[in-house]
Amino acid sequence: MHELGLTRNLVAIVSEHAAGRRVRRVWLEIGTRSAILPDAVRFCFDVCSKGTPLEGAQLDILEHEGDRLNIKAMEVEPCA
C-alpha cells in the first residue's frame, strides 16, 4: 500500500509548515489517474497523524482529472 508512505510524507510536510501550531484541516487534490486511493489515504491519515500537530484534523479530498497529488491548503490554529 503506497498510500501509507505518501500519507506519512504528507503529515511530515504539513507539520513542518504548521511550525508547531495545531492543524485543524487539510485539503488535498488527488488525480483520478494517480493510482492513489482516496479511502486508503483517509485511513492512513488517521493512523499517521497520531501524536502530531495534525491529530484530529479534518481531511478533505478533492478528486480531479489528472495524475497528481497536491496539498491544496491547510487551516491551522492562530499563534498564541
N, C-alpha and C. Protein backbone atom coordinates (compact mmCIF):
# COMPACT_ATOMS: atom_id res chain seq x y z
N MET A 1 0.85 -1.18 0.00
CA MET A 1 0.00 0.00 0.00
C MET A 1 0.89 1.24 0.00
N HIS A 2 1.07 1.85 -1.14
CA HIS A 2 1.93 3.03 -1.23
C HIS A 2 1.27 4.26 -0.61
N GLU A 3 -0.04 4.21 -0.36
CA GLU A 3 -0.72 5.33 0.29
C GLU A 3 -0.17 5.60 1.69
N LEU A 4 0.30 4.57 2.38
CA LEU A 4 0.86 4.76 3.71
C LEU A 4 2.11 5.65 3.65
N GLY A 5 3.01 5.36 2.74
CA GLY A 5 4.22 6.17 2.58
C GLY A 5 3.90 7.59 2.15
N LEU A 6 2.95 7.73 1.22
CA LEU A 6 2.55 9.06 0.77
C LEU A 6 1.95 9.87 1.93
N THR A 7 1.12 9.21 2.73
CA THR A 7 0.46 9.91 3.83
C THR A 7 1.47 10.28 4.92
N ARG A 8 2.43 9.43 5.18
CA ARG A 8 3.49 9.79 6.14
C ARG A 8 4.22 11.05 5.69
N ASN A 9 4.54 11.11 4.41
CA ASN A 9 5.21 12.31 3.87
C ASN A 9 4.30 13.52 3.94
N LEU A 10 3.05 13.35 3.62
CA LEU A 10 2.07 14.43 3.70
C LEU A 10 2.01 15.00 5.11
N VAL A 11 1.92 14.14 6.11
CA VAL A 11 1.87 14.58 7.51
C VAL A 11 3.15 15.31 7.89
N ALA A 12 4.28 14.81 7.45
CA ALA A 12 5.56 15.48 7.75
C ALA A 12 5.63 16.86 7.12
N ILE A 13 5.21 16.98 5.88
CA ILE A 13 5.27 18.27 5.17
C ILE A 13 4.34 19.28 5.83
N VAL A 14 3.11 18.88 6.10
CA VAL A 14 2.14 19.80 6.71
C VAL A 14 2.59 20.16 8.12
N SER A 15 3.12 19.21 8.89
CA SER A 15 3.62 19.50 10.24
C SER A 15 4.73 20.54 10.20
N GLU A 16 5.62 20.40 9.25
CA GLU A 16 6.72 21.37 9.12
C GLU A 16 6.19 22.77 8.82
N HIS A 17 5.23 22.86 7.93
CA HIS A 17 4.67 24.17 7.57
C HIS A 17 3.80 24.75 8.68
N ALA A 18 3.26 23.90 9.54
CA ALA A 18 2.43 24.38 10.65
C ALA A 18 3.27 25.03 11.74
N ALA A 19 4.56 24.74 11.75
CA ALA A 19 5.51 25.36 12.69
C ALA A 19 5.04 25.24 14.15
N GLY A 20 4.64 24.03 14.53
CA GLY A 20 4.27 23.78 15.92
C GLY A 20 2.82 24.08 16.28
N ARG A 21 2.09 24.73 15.37
CA ARG A 21 0.68 25.02 15.63
C ARG A 21 -0.18 23.80 15.28
N ARG A 22 -1.31 23.69 15.96
CA ARG A 22 -2.23 22.59 15.70
C ARG A 22 -2.91 22.82 14.35
N VAL A 23 -2.97 21.76 13.55
CA VAL A 23 -3.63 21.80 12.25
C VAL A 23 -5.07 21.36 12.42
N ARG A 24 -5.99 22.18 11.94
CA ARG A 24 -7.41 21.86 12.05
C ARG A 24 -7.95 21.13 10.84
N ARG A 25 -7.42 21.47 9.66
CA ARG A 25 -7.99 20.93 8.43
C ARG A 25 -6.94 20.94 7.33
N VAL A 26 -7.00 19.91 6.48
CA VAL A 26 -6.10 19.80 5.34
C VAL A 26 -6.94 19.47 4.10
N TRP A 27 -6.66 20.19 3.01
CA TRP A 27 -7.32 19.93 1.73
C TRP A 27 -6.30 19.33 0.77
N LEU A 28 -6.64 18.18 0.21
CA LEU A 28 -5.80 17.51 -0.78
C LEU A 28 -6.54 17.42 -2.10
N GLU A 29 -5.78 17.44 -3.18
CA GLU A 29 -6.30 17.12 -4.50
C GLU A 29 -5.61 15.84 -4.95
N ILE A 30 -6.42 14.87 -5.34
CA ILE A 30 -5.88 13.60 -5.82
C ILE A 30 -6.42 13.36 -7.22
N GLY A 31 -5.51 13.17 -8.15
CA GLY A 31 -5.89 12.91 -9.53
C GLY A 31 -6.47 11.52 -9.70
N THR A 32 -7.50 11.43 -10.53
CA THR A 32 -8.15 10.14 -10.75
C THR A 32 -7.25 9.14 -11.48
N ARG A 33 -6.21 9.64 -12.13
CA ARG A 33 -5.24 8.76 -12.82
C ARG A 33 -3.94 8.60 -12.04
N SER A 34 -3.96 8.93 -10.75
CA SER A 34 -2.73 8.89 -9.95
C SER A 34 -2.45 7.53 -9.32
N ALA A 35 -3.39 6.62 -9.39
CA ALA A 35 -3.27 5.31 -8.75
C ALA A 35 -3.21 5.43 -7.22
N ILE A 36 -3.75 6.53 -6.71
CA ILE A 36 -3.84 6.74 -5.26
C ILE A 36 -5.30 6.61 -4.86
N LEU A 37 -5.57 5.76 -3.89
CA LEU A 37 -6.95 5.52 -3.45
C LEU A 37 -7.30 6.49 -2.32
N PRO A 38 -8.25 7.41 -2.56
CA PRO A 38 -8.62 8.37 -1.52
C PRO A 38 -9.03 7.74 -0.20
N ASP A 39 -9.77 6.64 -0.23
CA ASP A 39 -10.19 6.00 1.02
C ASP A 39 -9.00 5.45 1.80
N ALA A 40 -8.00 4.96 1.10
CA ALA A 40 -6.79 4.46 1.77
C ALA A 40 -6.02 5.63 2.40
N VAL A 41 -5.97 6.77 1.72
CA VAL A 41 -5.31 7.95 2.28
C VAL A 41 -6.04 8.41 3.53
N ARG A 42 -7.37 8.40 3.51
CA ARG A 42 -8.16 8.79 4.69
C ARG A 42 -7.83 7.88 5.88
N PHE A 43 -7.79 6.58 5.63
CA PHE A 43 -7.47 5.63 6.70
C PHE A 43 -6.06 5.87 7.22
N CYS A 44 -5.10 6.00 6.33
CA CYS A 44 -3.71 6.20 6.73
C CYS A 44 -3.51 7.54 7.44
N PHE A 45 -4.28 8.54 7.05
CA PHE A 45 -4.16 9.87 7.67
C PHE A 45 -4.44 9.78 9.16
N ASP A 46 -5.49 9.08 9.54
CA ASP A 46 -5.82 8.93 10.96
C ASP A 46 -4.69 8.24 11.72
N VAL A 47 -4.11 7.23 11.12
CA VAL A 47 -3.02 6.48 11.75
C VAL A 47 -1.75 7.31 11.82
N CYS A 48 -1.37 7.93 10.72
CA CYS A 48 -0.11 8.68 10.62
C CYS A 48 -0.13 9.99 11.41
N SER A 49 -1.30 10.56 11.63
CA SER A 49 -1.35 11.85 12.31
C SER A 49 -1.34 11.74 13.84
N LYS A 50 -1.48 10.55 14.37
CA LYS A 50 -1.46 10.37 15.83
C LYS A 50 -0.16 10.92 16.41
N GLY A 51 -0.29 11.75 17.45
CA GLY A 51 0.88 12.31 18.12
C GLY A 51 1.56 13.44 17.37
N THR A 52 0.91 13.98 16.33
CA THR A 52 1.47 15.08 15.55
C THR A 52 0.53 16.28 15.64
N PRO A 53 0.95 17.44 15.13
CA PRO A 53 0.04 18.60 15.11
C PRO A 53 -1.21 18.36 14.27
N LEU A 54 -1.26 17.31 13.48
CA LEU A 54 -2.41 17.01 12.64
C LEU A 54 -3.41 16.07 13.30
N GLU A 55 -3.11 15.58 14.49
CA GLU A 55 -4.02 14.65 15.15
C GLU A 55 -5.39 15.30 15.34
N GLY A 56 -6.41 14.64 14.86
CA GLY A 56 -7.77 15.15 14.96
C GLY A 56 -8.17 16.11 13.86
N ALA A 57 -7.27 16.41 12.94
CA ALA A 57 -7.58 17.33 11.85
C ALA A 57 -8.55 16.68 10.87
N GLN A 58 -9.34 17.51 10.24
CA GLN A 58 -10.26 17.05 9.20
C GLN A 58 -9.48 16.99 7.88
N LEU A 59 -9.67 15.92 7.15
CA LEU A 59 -9.03 15.75 5.84
C LEU A 59 -10.11 15.81 4.76
N ASP A 60 -9.99 16.78 3.88
CA ASP A 60 -10.90 16.91 2.74
C ASP A 60 -10.13 16.55 1.48
N ILE A 61 -10.67 15.62 0.72
CA ILE A 61 -10.03 15.19 -0.52
C ILE A 61 -10.90 15.57 -1.70
N LEU A 62 -10.32 16.31 -2.62
CA LEU A 62 -10.98 16.70 -3.85
C LEU A 62 -10.36 15.89 -4.98
N GLU A 63 -11.17 15.17 -5.71
CA GLU A 63 -10.65 14.41 -6.84
C GLU A 63 -10.74 15.26 -8.10
N HIS A 64 -9.73 15.15 -8.95
CA HIS A 64 -9.68 15.92 -10.19
C HIS A 64 -9.12 15.05 -11.30
N GLU A 65 -9.36 15.46 -12.51
CA GLU A 65 -8.78 14.76 -13.66
C GLU A 65 -7.28 15.03 -13.64
N GLY A 66 -6.52 14.01 -13.66
CA GLY A 66 -5.07 14.19 -13.66
C GLY A 66 -4.38 13.06 -12.95
N ASP A 67 -3.08 13.24 -12.76
CA ASP A 67 -2.29 12.17 -12.16
C ASP A 67 -1.44 12.65 -11.00
N ARG A 68 -1.87 13.71 -10.33
CA ARG A 68 -1.05 14.30 -9.26
C ARG A 68 -1.76 14.31 -7.92
N LEU A 69 -0.95 14.37 -6.89
CA LEU A 69 -1.41 14.58 -5.51
C LEU A 69 -0.89 15.95 -5.10
N ASN A 70 -1.78 16.84 -4.69
CA ASN A 70 -1.39 18.18 -4.27
C ASN A 70 -1.96 18.49 -2.90
N ILE A 71 -1.15 19.11 -2.07
CA ILE A 71 -1.65 19.68 -0.83
C ILE A 71 -2.19 21.05 -1.22
N LYS A 72 -3.49 21.19 -1.23
CA LYS A 72 -4.12 22.42 -1.72
C LYS A 72 -4.07 23.53 -0.68
N ALA A 73 -4.39 23.19 0.58
CA ALA A 73 -4.41 24.20 1.65
C ALA A 73 -4.46 23.50 2.99
N MET A 74 -4.23 24.29 4.03
CA MET A 74 -4.37 23.79 5.39
C MET A 74 -4.85 24.93 6.28
N GLU A 75 -5.55 24.56 7.33
CA GLU A 75 -6.03 25.53 8.31
C GLU A 75 -5.37 25.20 9.63
N VAL A 76 -4.69 26.18 10.22
CA VAL A 76 -4.02 25.98 11.50
C VAL A 76 -4.58 26.93 12.54
N GLU A 77 -4.37 26.57 13.81
CA GLU A 77 -4.78 27.47 14.88
C GLU A 77 -3.92 28.72 14.85
N PRO A 78 -4.49 29.85 15.19
CA PRO A 78 -3.69 31.08 15.20
C PRO A 78 -2.60 31.02 16.26
N CYS A 79 -1.57 31.80 16.06
CA CYS A 79 -0.47 31.89 17.04
C CYS A 79 -1.01 32.50 18.33
N ALA A 80 -0.50 32.00 19.44
CA ALA A 80 -0.95 32.50 20.74
C ALA A 80 -0.29 33.81 21.08
